[in-house]
Amino acid sequence: MIASCLASILFFGAALAPSFVAAAPPPAKRQLCSVSSVLTTLQSELSVILPQIDTLVSSTNASDVTITPLIEDVVSALDNATASLPGLTLSGTQAKILSVANNTVTEIAQTLDGLLSVADDVPSLGGLLSSVETSLGEVLSGVLSLVGGILDTVGSLLESLGGGLNGTLPSLG
């Protein structure tokens, strides 16, 4: 008899227990806290990818098979940075943000300029460069929407780079 009462209590206790416990909130995604940190993360990711492209170009091993996945990685890194920008705060100075953006654009431009020397070996290069240009334009637009005061400076920077990025400035509007 006591055993059946104890079993009933345990059964009802187990059945009702979930209603007394608040659901645990889902783990929050770690969010980057500033534009500067997004750009620094982007630069860090690109510092792994761009040298690989440079090595393929200098060793004349560049082909659609070797270059395409790396360019897709560049585009993915740029797209991830763009997706991280909305709602961020502006910690860090505009000079630091400009410096990191300048270095990132310069490194991408230098690598893309190197790719032009192997364009015959990479038939899909035009489309690949177009996707990089589009994604880079989106990152810069996102940064510029948050750091409006440096629009003219970044615009001048992009104009001076020229090369494979001529369409980036017009895409900024």
N, C-alpha and C. Protein backbone atom coordinates (compact mmCIF):
# COMPACT_ATOMS: atom_id res chain seq x y z
N MET A 1 0.81 -1.17 0.00
CA MET A 1 0.00 0.00 0.00
C MET A 1 0.87 1.26 0.00
N ILE A 2 1.84 1.32 0.87
CA ILE A 2 2.73 2.48 0.91
C ILE A 2 3.51 2.56 -0.41
N ALA A 3 3.88 1.42 -0.91
CA ALA A 3 4.62 1.40 -2.16
C ALA A 3 3.77 1.96 -3.30
N SER A 4 2.48 1.63 -3.35
CA SER A 4 1.64 2.15 -4.43
C SER A 4 1.41 3.64 -4.25
N CYS A 5 1.28 4.12 -3.01
CA CYS A 5 1.14 5.57 -2.77
C CYS A 5 2.42 6.30 -3.18
N LEU A 6 3.54 5.73 -2.82
CA LEU A 6 4.83 6.32 -3.17
C LEU A 6 5.01 6.35 -4.68
N ALA A 7 4.60 5.28 -5.35
CA ALA A 7 4.69 5.22 -6.80
C ALA A 7 3.78 6.27 -7.43
N SER A 8 2.60 6.47 -6.89
CA SER A 8 1.66 7.48 -7.41
C SER A 8 2.23 8.87 -7.24
N ILE A 9 2.82 9.13 -6.09
CA ILE A 9 3.40 10.45 -5.83
C ILE A 9 4.56 10.71 -6.80
N LEU A 10 5.41 9.71 -6.96
CA LEU A 10 6.54 9.87 -7.88
C LEU A 10 6.06 10.06 -9.32
N PHE A 11 5.01 9.32 -9.70
CA PHE A 11 4.47 9.44 -11.05
C PHE A 11 3.95 10.85 -11.29
N PHE A 12 3.10 11.36 -10.36
CA PHE A 12 2.54 12.69 -10.53
C PHE A 12 3.63 13.77 -10.41
N GLY A 13 4.57 13.52 -9.54
CA GLY A 13 5.69 14.47 -9.42
C GLY A 13 6.49 14.56 -10.70
N ALA A 14 6.75 13.40 -11.30
CA ALA A 14 7.51 13.39 -12.56
C ALA A 14 6.70 14.02 -13.69
N ALA A 15 5.40 13.79 -13.68
CA ALA A 15 4.54 14.33 -14.74
C ALA A 15 4.39 15.83 -14.63
N LEU A 16 4.36 16.36 -13.41
CA LEU A 16 4.15 17.79 -13.21
C LEU A 16 5.45 18.59 -13.13
N ALA A 17 6.56 17.94 -12.91
CA ALA A 17 7.83 18.63 -12.72
C ALA A 17 8.19 19.56 -13.87
N PRO A 18 8.01 19.17 -15.11
CA PRO A 18 8.38 20.09 -16.19
C PRO A 18 7.61 21.40 -16.16
N SER A 19 6.38 21.39 -15.63
CA SER A 19 5.61 22.62 -15.61
C SER A 19 6.11 23.59 -14.54
N PHE A 20 6.90 23.09 -13.58
CA PHE A 20 7.42 23.95 -12.54
C PHE A 20 8.81 24.51 -12.86
N VAL A 21 9.44 23.95 -13.84
CA VAL A 21 10.79 24.37 -14.19
C VAL A 21 10.72 25.26 -15.42
N ALA A 22 11.33 26.41 -15.32
CA ALA A 22 11.35 27.32 -16.46
C ALA A 22 12.29 26.76 -17.52
N ALA A 23 11.87 26.92 -18.74
CA ALA A 23 12.72 26.46 -19.83
C ALA A 23 13.99 27.28 -19.86
N ALA A 24 15.09 26.60 -20.07
CA ALA A 24 16.37 27.29 -20.16
C ALA A 24 16.42 28.04 -21.48
N PRO A 25 16.90 29.28 -21.45
CA PRO A 25 16.99 30.03 -22.70
C PRO A 25 18.03 29.39 -23.62
N PRO A 26 17.83 29.49 -24.91
CA PRO A 26 18.82 28.92 -25.81
C PRO A 26 20.14 29.66 -25.64
N PRO A 27 21.24 28.97 -25.82
CA PRO A 27 22.51 29.66 -25.66
C PRO A 27 22.63 30.80 -26.67
N ALA A 28 23.04 31.94 -26.17
CA ALA A 28 23.16 33.10 -27.05
C ALA A 28 24.38 32.94 -27.93
N LYS A 29 24.23 33.38 -29.17
CA LYS A 29 25.38 33.36 -30.06
C LYS A 29 26.34 34.44 -29.60
N ARG A 30 27.61 34.15 -29.71
CA ARG A 30 28.61 35.13 -29.36
C ARG A 30 28.59 36.19 -30.46
N GLN A 31 28.33 37.41 -30.08
CA GLN A 31 28.22 38.47 -31.07
C GLN A 31 29.44 39.37 -30.98
N LEU A 32 29.96 39.69 -32.12
CA LEU A 32 31.05 40.64 -32.14
C LEU A 32 30.51 41.99 -31.69
N CYS A 33 31.32 42.74 -30.98
CA CYS A 33 30.78 43.92 -30.34
C CYS A 33 30.99 45.21 -31.11
N SER A 34 31.77 45.19 -32.17
CA SER A 34 32.01 46.45 -32.86
C SER A 34 32.36 46.23 -34.32
N VAL A 35 32.24 47.29 -35.07
CA VAL A 35 32.61 47.26 -36.48
C VAL A 35 34.09 46.91 -36.60
N SER A 36 34.88 47.50 -35.74
CA SER A 36 36.32 47.24 -35.75
C SER A 36 36.62 45.76 -35.56
N SER A 37 35.92 45.11 -34.64
CA SER A 37 36.19 43.69 -34.40
C SER A 37 35.72 42.82 -35.57
N VAL A 38 34.63 43.22 -36.24
CA VAL A 38 34.18 42.48 -37.42
C VAL A 38 35.25 42.56 -38.50
N LEU A 39 35.77 43.76 -38.73
CA LEU A 39 36.79 43.93 -39.76
C LEU A 39 38.09 43.22 -39.40
N THR A 40 38.44 43.23 -38.13
CA THR A 40 39.64 42.53 -37.69
C THR A 40 39.48 41.02 -37.88
N THR A 41 38.30 40.50 -37.58
CA THR A 41 38.03 39.08 -37.80
C THR A 41 38.10 38.75 -39.29
N LEU A 42 37.51 39.61 -40.11
CA LEU A 42 37.56 39.42 -41.56
C LEU A 42 39.01 39.40 -42.04
N GLN A 43 39.78 40.35 -41.58
CA GLN A 43 41.18 40.43 -41.99
C GLN A 43 41.94 39.17 -41.56
N SER A 44 41.63 38.67 -40.39
CA SER A 44 42.27 37.44 -39.91
C SER A 44 41.92 36.25 -40.79
N GLU A 45 40.64 36.13 -41.16
CA GLU A 45 40.23 35.02 -42.03
C GLU A 45 40.88 35.13 -43.40
N LEU A 46 40.93 36.35 -43.93
CA LEU A 46 41.53 36.54 -45.25
C LEU A 46 43.03 36.32 -45.23
N SER A 47 43.67 36.54 -44.08
CA SER A 47 45.12 36.34 -44.00
C SER A 47 45.51 34.87 -44.15
N VAL A 48 44.54 33.97 -44.04
CA VAL A 48 44.79 32.55 -44.27
C VAL A 48 44.52 32.20 -45.74
N ILE A 49 43.49 32.82 -46.32
CA ILE A 49 43.05 32.46 -47.67
C ILE A 49 43.90 33.14 -48.76
N LEU A 50 44.12 34.44 -48.64
CA LEU A 50 44.79 35.18 -49.71
C LEU A 50 46.20 34.68 -49.99
N PRO A 51 47.01 34.35 -48.97
CA PRO A 51 48.34 33.81 -49.28
C PRO A 51 48.29 32.49 -50.06
N GLN A 52 47.26 31.71 -49.84
CA GLN A 52 47.13 30.47 -50.60
C GLN A 52 46.92 30.77 -52.08
N ILE A 53 46.11 31.78 -52.35
CA ILE A 53 45.88 32.19 -53.74
C ILE A 53 47.18 32.71 -54.34
N ASP A 54 47.89 33.56 -53.58
CA ASP A 54 49.16 34.11 -54.05
C ASP A 54 50.16 33.00 -54.36
N THR A 55 50.20 31.97 -53.53
CA THR A 55 51.11 30.84 -53.74
C THR A 55 50.76 30.10 -55.02
N LEU A 56 49.47 29.87 -55.23
CA LEU A 56 49.05 29.18 -56.46
C LEU A 56 49.43 29.99 -57.70
N VAL A 57 49.26 31.29 -57.62
CA VAL A 57 49.60 32.15 -58.76
C VAL A 57 51.10 32.12 -59.01
N SER A 58 51.89 32.29 -57.95
CA SER A 58 53.35 32.35 -58.14
C SER A 58 53.95 31.01 -58.55
N SER A 59 53.30 29.92 -58.19
CA SER A 59 53.81 28.60 -58.56
C SER A 59 53.21 28.11 -59.87
N THR A 60 52.44 28.94 -60.52
CA THR A 60 51.74 28.63 -61.77
C THR A 60 50.87 27.37 -61.66
N ASN A 61 50.32 27.13 -60.48
CA ASN A 61 49.40 26.02 -60.28
C ASN A 61 47.95 26.49 -60.20
N ALA A 62 47.71 27.71 -60.62
CA ALA A 62 46.36 28.25 -60.55
C ALA A 62 45.51 27.67 -61.67
N SER A 63 44.33 27.20 -61.29
CA SER A 63 43.36 26.67 -62.25
C SER A 63 41.98 26.86 -61.65
N ASP A 64 40.96 26.57 -62.42
CA ASP A 64 39.60 26.65 -61.88
C ASP A 64 39.46 25.76 -60.65
N VAL A 65 40.06 24.59 -60.72
CA VAL A 65 39.93 23.62 -59.62
C VAL A 65 40.60 24.12 -58.34
N THR A 66 41.73 24.81 -58.46
CA THR A 66 42.44 25.26 -57.26
C THR A 66 41.99 26.63 -56.77
N ILE A 67 41.64 27.50 -57.69
CA ILE A 67 41.30 28.89 -57.33
C ILE A 67 39.85 29.04 -56.87
N THR A 68 38.92 28.36 -57.53
CA THR A 68 37.50 28.55 -57.24
C THR A 68 37.16 28.35 -55.77
N PRO A 69 37.60 27.26 -55.12
CA PRO A 69 37.23 27.10 -53.70
C PRO A 69 37.80 28.21 -52.81
N LEU A 70 38.97 28.70 -53.16
CA LEU A 70 39.57 29.77 -52.35
C LEU A 70 38.83 31.08 -52.54
N ILE A 71 38.45 31.38 -53.77
CA ILE A 71 37.66 32.60 -54.00
C ILE A 71 36.31 32.49 -53.31
N GLU A 72 35.73 31.30 -53.34
CA GLU A 72 34.46 31.09 -52.63
C GLU A 72 34.65 31.31 -51.12
N ASP A 73 35.81 30.93 -50.59
CA ASP A 73 36.10 31.18 -49.17
C ASP A 73 36.22 32.68 -48.90
N VAL A 74 36.84 33.41 -49.83
CA VAL A 74 36.94 34.87 -49.68
C VAL A 74 35.54 35.47 -49.66
N VAL A 75 34.70 35.07 -50.60
CA VAL A 75 33.34 35.59 -50.67
C VAL A 75 32.57 35.24 -49.40
N SER A 76 32.74 34.02 -48.92
CA SER A 76 32.06 33.60 -47.69
C SER A 76 32.50 34.45 -46.50
N ALA A 77 33.80 34.70 -46.39
CA ALA A 77 34.30 35.54 -45.29
C ALA A 77 33.72 36.96 -45.39
N LEU A 78 33.67 37.49 -46.61
CA LEU A 78 33.09 38.83 -46.80
C LEU A 78 31.61 38.84 -46.46
N ASP A 79 30.89 37.80 -46.90
CA ASP A 79 29.45 37.73 -46.61
C ASP A 79 29.19 37.56 -45.11
N ASN A 80 30.03 36.81 -44.43
CA ASN A 80 29.88 36.65 -42.97
C ASN A 80 30.11 37.99 -42.27
N ALA A 81 31.08 38.74 -42.74
CA ALA A 81 31.32 40.06 -42.15
C ALA A 81 30.12 40.97 -42.38
N THR A 82 29.57 40.94 -43.58
CA THR A 82 28.39 41.76 -43.88
C THR A 82 27.23 41.39 -42.96
N ALA A 83 27.03 40.09 -42.77
CA ALA A 83 25.92 39.63 -41.92
C ALA A 83 26.13 40.00 -40.46
N SER A 84 27.38 40.21 -40.05
CA SER A 84 27.68 40.55 -38.65
C SER A 84 27.53 42.03 -38.35
N LEU A 85 27.44 42.85 -39.36
CA LEU A 85 27.45 44.31 -39.15
C LEU A 85 26.17 44.91 -38.58
N PRO A 86 24.99 44.49 -39.02
CA PRO A 86 23.78 45.17 -38.53
C PRO A 86 23.68 45.16 -37.00
N GLY A 87 23.40 46.32 -36.45
CA GLY A 87 23.17 46.44 -35.01
C GLY A 87 24.43 46.53 -34.16
N LEU A 88 25.59 46.60 -34.79
CA LEU A 88 26.82 46.69 -34.01
C LEU A 88 27.04 48.11 -33.52
N THR A 89 27.88 48.21 -32.52
CA THR A 89 28.25 49.51 -31.98
C THR A 89 29.53 49.99 -32.64
N LEU A 90 29.76 51.27 -32.51
CA LEU A 90 30.98 51.85 -33.07
C LEU A 90 32.02 52.04 -31.97
N SER A 91 32.59 50.96 -31.50
CA SER A 91 33.70 51.13 -30.58
C SER A 91 34.97 51.12 -31.41
N GLY A 92 35.95 51.83 -30.97
CA GLY A 92 37.15 51.98 -31.77
C GLY A 92 37.05 53.29 -32.54
N THR A 93 38.18 53.82 -32.88
CA THR A 93 38.18 55.10 -33.56
C THR A 93 37.91 54.91 -35.05
N GLN A 94 37.43 55.96 -35.67
CA GLN A 94 37.22 55.91 -37.10
C GLN A 94 38.54 55.65 -37.81
N ALA A 95 39.62 56.19 -37.27
CA ALA A 95 40.94 55.98 -37.88
C ALA A 95 41.31 54.50 -37.87
N LYS A 96 41.00 53.81 -36.76
CA LYS A 96 41.31 52.37 -36.70
C LYS A 96 40.44 51.60 -37.68
N ILE A 97 39.17 51.93 -37.72
CA ILE A 97 38.25 51.26 -38.64
C ILE A 97 38.70 51.49 -40.07
N LEU A 98 39.06 52.72 -40.40
CA LEU A 98 39.53 53.05 -41.73
C LEU A 98 40.82 52.29 -42.05
N SER A 99 41.71 52.22 -41.09
CA SER A 99 42.98 51.52 -41.30
C SER A 99 42.76 50.03 -41.60
N VAL A 100 41.90 49.40 -40.82
CA VAL A 100 41.64 47.97 -41.03
C VAL A 100 40.94 47.76 -42.37
N ALA A 101 39.97 48.63 -42.69
CA ALA A 101 39.27 48.52 -43.97
C ALA A 101 40.25 48.74 -45.12
N ASN A 102 41.12 49.72 -44.99
CA ASN A 102 42.13 50.01 -46.00
C ASN A 102 43.04 48.80 -46.21
N ASN A 103 43.54 48.23 -45.13
CA ASN A 103 44.43 47.08 -45.25
C ASN A 103 43.72 45.89 -45.89
N THR A 104 42.47 45.67 -45.52
CA THR A 104 41.71 44.54 -46.06
C THR A 104 41.49 44.71 -47.55
N VAL A 105 41.04 45.89 -47.96
CA VAL A 105 40.79 46.14 -49.38
C VAL A 105 42.10 46.05 -50.17
N THR A 106 43.18 46.59 -49.62
CA THR A 106 44.48 46.55 -50.30
C THR A 106 44.96 45.11 -50.49
N GLU A 107 44.82 44.29 -49.44
CA GLU A 107 45.27 42.90 -49.54
C GLU A 107 44.44 42.13 -50.57
N ILE A 108 43.14 42.35 -50.59
CA ILE A 108 42.29 41.69 -51.58
C ILE A 108 42.67 42.16 -52.98
N ALA A 109 42.85 43.45 -53.16
CA ALA A 109 43.18 44.00 -54.48
C ALA A 109 44.52 43.45 -54.98
N GLN A 110 45.51 43.36 -54.11
CA GLN A 110 46.81 42.83 -54.52
C GLN A 110 46.70 41.38 -54.98
N THR A 111 45.94 40.59 -54.24
CA THR A 111 45.77 39.19 -54.62
C THR A 111 45.02 39.08 -55.93
N LEU A 112 43.95 39.87 -56.09
CA LEU A 112 43.18 39.82 -57.33
C LEU A 112 44.01 40.29 -58.52
N ASP A 113 44.85 41.29 -58.32
CA ASP A 113 45.74 41.73 -59.40
C ASP A 113 46.66 40.59 -59.82
N GLY A 114 47.16 39.82 -58.87
CA GLY A 114 48.00 38.68 -59.19
C GLY A 114 47.25 37.63 -60.00
N LEU A 115 45.98 37.46 -59.70
CA LEU A 115 45.16 36.48 -60.43
C LEU A 115 45.02 36.86 -61.90
N LEU A 116 45.06 38.13 -62.20
CA LEU A 116 44.90 38.54 -63.59
C LEU A 116 46.00 37.97 -64.48
N SER A 117 47.16 37.70 -63.90
CA SER A 117 48.26 37.14 -64.69
C SER A 117 48.02 35.69 -65.09
N VAL A 118 47.08 35.02 -64.43
CA VAL A 118 46.77 33.62 -64.77
C VAL A 118 45.35 33.47 -65.29
N ALA A 119 44.81 34.55 -65.80
CA ALA A 119 43.41 34.54 -66.26
C ALA A 119 43.16 33.46 -67.31
N ASP A 120 44.14 33.19 -68.15
CA ASP A 120 43.95 32.16 -69.18
C ASP A 120 43.82 30.77 -68.57
N ASP A 121 44.41 30.56 -67.40
CA ASP A 121 44.36 29.25 -66.74
C ASP A 121 43.11 29.08 -65.89
N VAL A 122 42.40 30.17 -65.65
CA VAL A 122 41.20 30.14 -64.80
C VAL A 122 40.04 30.77 -65.59
N PRO A 123 39.41 29.97 -66.45
CA PRO A 123 38.35 30.52 -67.30
C PRO A 123 37.19 31.18 -66.54
N SER A 124 36.93 30.74 -65.34
CA SER A 124 35.80 31.30 -64.58
C SER A 124 36.20 32.53 -63.77
N LEU A 125 37.41 33.04 -64.00
CA LEU A 125 37.92 34.13 -63.18
C LEU A 125 37.03 35.37 -63.19
N GLY A 126 36.48 35.71 -64.33
CA GLY A 126 35.62 36.90 -64.41
C GLY A 126 34.45 36.82 -63.46
N GLY A 127 33.76 35.69 -63.44
CA GLY A 127 32.63 35.51 -62.53
C GLY A 127 33.06 35.48 -61.08
N LEU A 128 34.21 34.86 -60.83
CA LEU A 128 34.72 34.79 -59.45
C LEU A 128 35.06 36.19 -58.94
N LEU A 129 35.73 36.97 -59.77
CA LEU A 129 36.09 38.34 -59.35
C LEU A 129 34.85 39.20 -59.15
N SER A 130 33.86 38.97 -59.98
CA SER A 130 32.60 39.71 -59.84
C SER A 130 31.95 39.41 -58.49
N SER A 131 31.98 38.15 -58.07
CA SER A 131 31.37 37.81 -56.78
C SER A 131 32.16 38.41 -55.62
N VAL A 132 33.49 38.47 -55.75
CA VAL A 132 34.30 39.11 -54.71
C VAL A 132 33.97 40.59 -54.66
N GLU A 133 33.89 41.21 -55.81
CA GLU A 133 33.60 42.64 -55.87
C GLU A 133 32.24 42.95 -55.24
N THR A 134 31.24 42.14 -55.55
CA THR A 134 29.91 42.34 -54.99
C THR A 134 29.94 42.21 -53.46
N SER A 135 30.57 41.15 -52.98
CA SER A 135 30.61 40.92 -51.53
C SER A 135 31.43 41.98 -50.82
N LEU A 136 32.53 42.40 -51.42
CA LEU A 136 33.34 43.46 -50.83
C LEU A 136 32.55 44.76 -50.78
N GLY A 137 31.82 45.05 -51.85
CA GLY A 137 30.99 46.24 -51.87
C GLY A 137 29.95 46.23 -50.76
N GLU A 138 29.38 45.06 -50.48
CA GLU A 138 28.39 44.94 -49.42
C GLU A 138 29.02 45.16 -48.04
N VAL A 139 30.21 44.62 -47.83
CA VAL A 139 30.90 44.86 -46.55
C VAL A 139 31.16 46.35 -46.38
N LEU A 140 31.72 46.96 -47.42
CA LEU A 140 32.04 48.38 -47.31
C LEU A 140 30.79 49.23 -47.15
N SER A 141 29.73 48.88 -47.83
CA SER A 141 28.47 49.62 -47.65
C SER A 141 27.97 49.49 -46.22
N GLY A 142 28.06 48.28 -45.66
CA GLY A 142 27.64 48.07 -44.28
C GLY A 142 28.48 48.87 -43.30
N VAL A 143 29.78 48.87 -43.53
CA VAL A 143 30.68 49.65 -42.66
C VAL A 143 30.38 51.12 -42.81
N LEU A 144 30.21 51.55 -44.03
CA LEU A 144 29.97 52.98 -44.27
C LEU A 144 28.63 53.44 -43.71
N SER A 145 27.67 52.56 -43.67
CA SER A 145 26.38 52.96 -43.09
C SER A 145 26.53 53.18 -41.58
N LEU A 146 27.49 52.51 -40.98
CA LEU A 146 27.72 52.68 -39.55
C LEU A 146 28.74 53.77 -39.25
N VAL A 147 29.63 54.00 -40.16
CA VAL A 147 30.70 54.98 -39.96
C VAL A 147 30.62 55.99 -41.10
N GLY A 148 29.53 56.72 -41.14
CA GLY A 148 29.28 57.64 -42.25
C GLY A 148 30.33 58.72 -42.43
N GLY A 149 30.99 59.12 -41.40
CA GLY A 149 31.96 60.21 -41.48
C GLY A 149 33.17 59.92 -42.33
N ILE A 150 33.42 58.65 -42.63
CA ILE A 150 34.62 58.35 -43.42
C ILE A 150 34.28 57.95 -44.86
N LEU A 151 33.06 58.21 -45.27
CA LEU A 151 32.63 57.84 -46.62
C LEU A 151 33.54 58.42 -47.69
N ASP A 152 33.84 59.69 -47.61
CA ASP A 152 34.66 60.32 -48.65
C ASP A 152 36.07 59.74 -48.66
N THR A 153 36.62 59.47 -47.47
CA THR A 153 37.96 58.91 -47.39
C THR A 153 38.03 57.52 -47.99
N VAL A 154 37.06 56.68 -47.67
CA VAL A 154 37.03 55.33 -48.22
C VAL A 154 36.77 55.38 -49.71
N GLY A 155 35.92 56.28 -50.15
CA GLY A 155 35.67 56.44 -51.58
C GLY A 155 36.95 56.80 -52.32
N SER A 156 37.73 57.71 -51.76
CA SER A 156 39.01 58.08 -52.36
C SER A 156 39.96 56.90 -52.38
N LEU A 157 39.95 56.14 -51.32
CA LEU A 157 40.80 54.94 -51.24
C LEU A 157 40.44 53.96 -52.35
N LEU A 158 39.16 53.72 -52.54
CA LEU A 158 38.72 52.78 -53.56
C LEU A 158 39.06 53.28 -54.96
N GLU A 159 38.91 54.58 -55.18
CA GLU A 159 39.25 55.13 -56.47
C GLU A 159 40.74 54.96 -56.76
N SER A 160 41.57 55.13 -55.73
CA SER A 160 43.01 55.01 -55.93
C SER A 160 43.44 53.56 -56.16
N LEU A 161 42.67 52.60 -55.66
CA LEU A 161 43.03 51.20 -55.86
C LEU A 161 42.82 50.76 -57.29
N GLY A 162 41.72 51.18 -57.90
CA GLY A 162 41.47 50.81 -59.29
C GLY A 162 41.53 49.32 -59.47
N GLY A 163 42.31 48.85 -60.44
CA GLY A 163 42.50 47.43 -60.69
C GLY A 163 41.20 46.69 -60.89
N GLY A 164 41.08 45.54 -60.26
CA GLY A 164 39.91 44.70 -60.42
C GLY A 164 38.71 45.17 -59.63
N LEU A 165 38.83 46.29 -58.93
CA LEU A 165 37.74 46.73 -58.06
C LEU A 165 37.05 47.98 -58.58
N ASN A 166 37.18 48.29 -59.85
CA ASN A 166 36.59 49.52 -60.40
C ASN A 166 35.10 49.62 -60.17
N GLY A 167 34.39 48.50 -60.12
CA GLY A 167 32.94 48.55 -59.95
C GLY A 167 32.50 48.68 -58.52
N THR A 168 33.41 48.61 -57.55
CA THR A 168 33.01 48.64 -56.15
C THR A 168 32.46 49.99 -55.74
N LEU A 169 33.13 51.07 -56.12
CA LEU A 169 32.67 52.40 -55.71
C LEU A 169 31.27 52.70 -56.23
N PRO A 170 30.97 52.45 -57.51
CA PRO A 170 29.60 52.70 -57.97
C PRO A 170 28.57 51.86 -57.22
N SER A 171 28.96 50.68 -56.77
CA SER A 171 27.98 49.84 -56.06
C SER A 171 27.67 50.39 -54.68
N LEU A 172 28.52 51.30 -54.19
CA LEU A 172 28.26 51.90 -52.89
C LEU A 172 27.20 52.98 -52.97
N GLY A 173 26.91 53.44 -54.16
CA GLY A 173 25.84 54.44 -54.33
C GLY A 173 26.36 55.78 -54.25
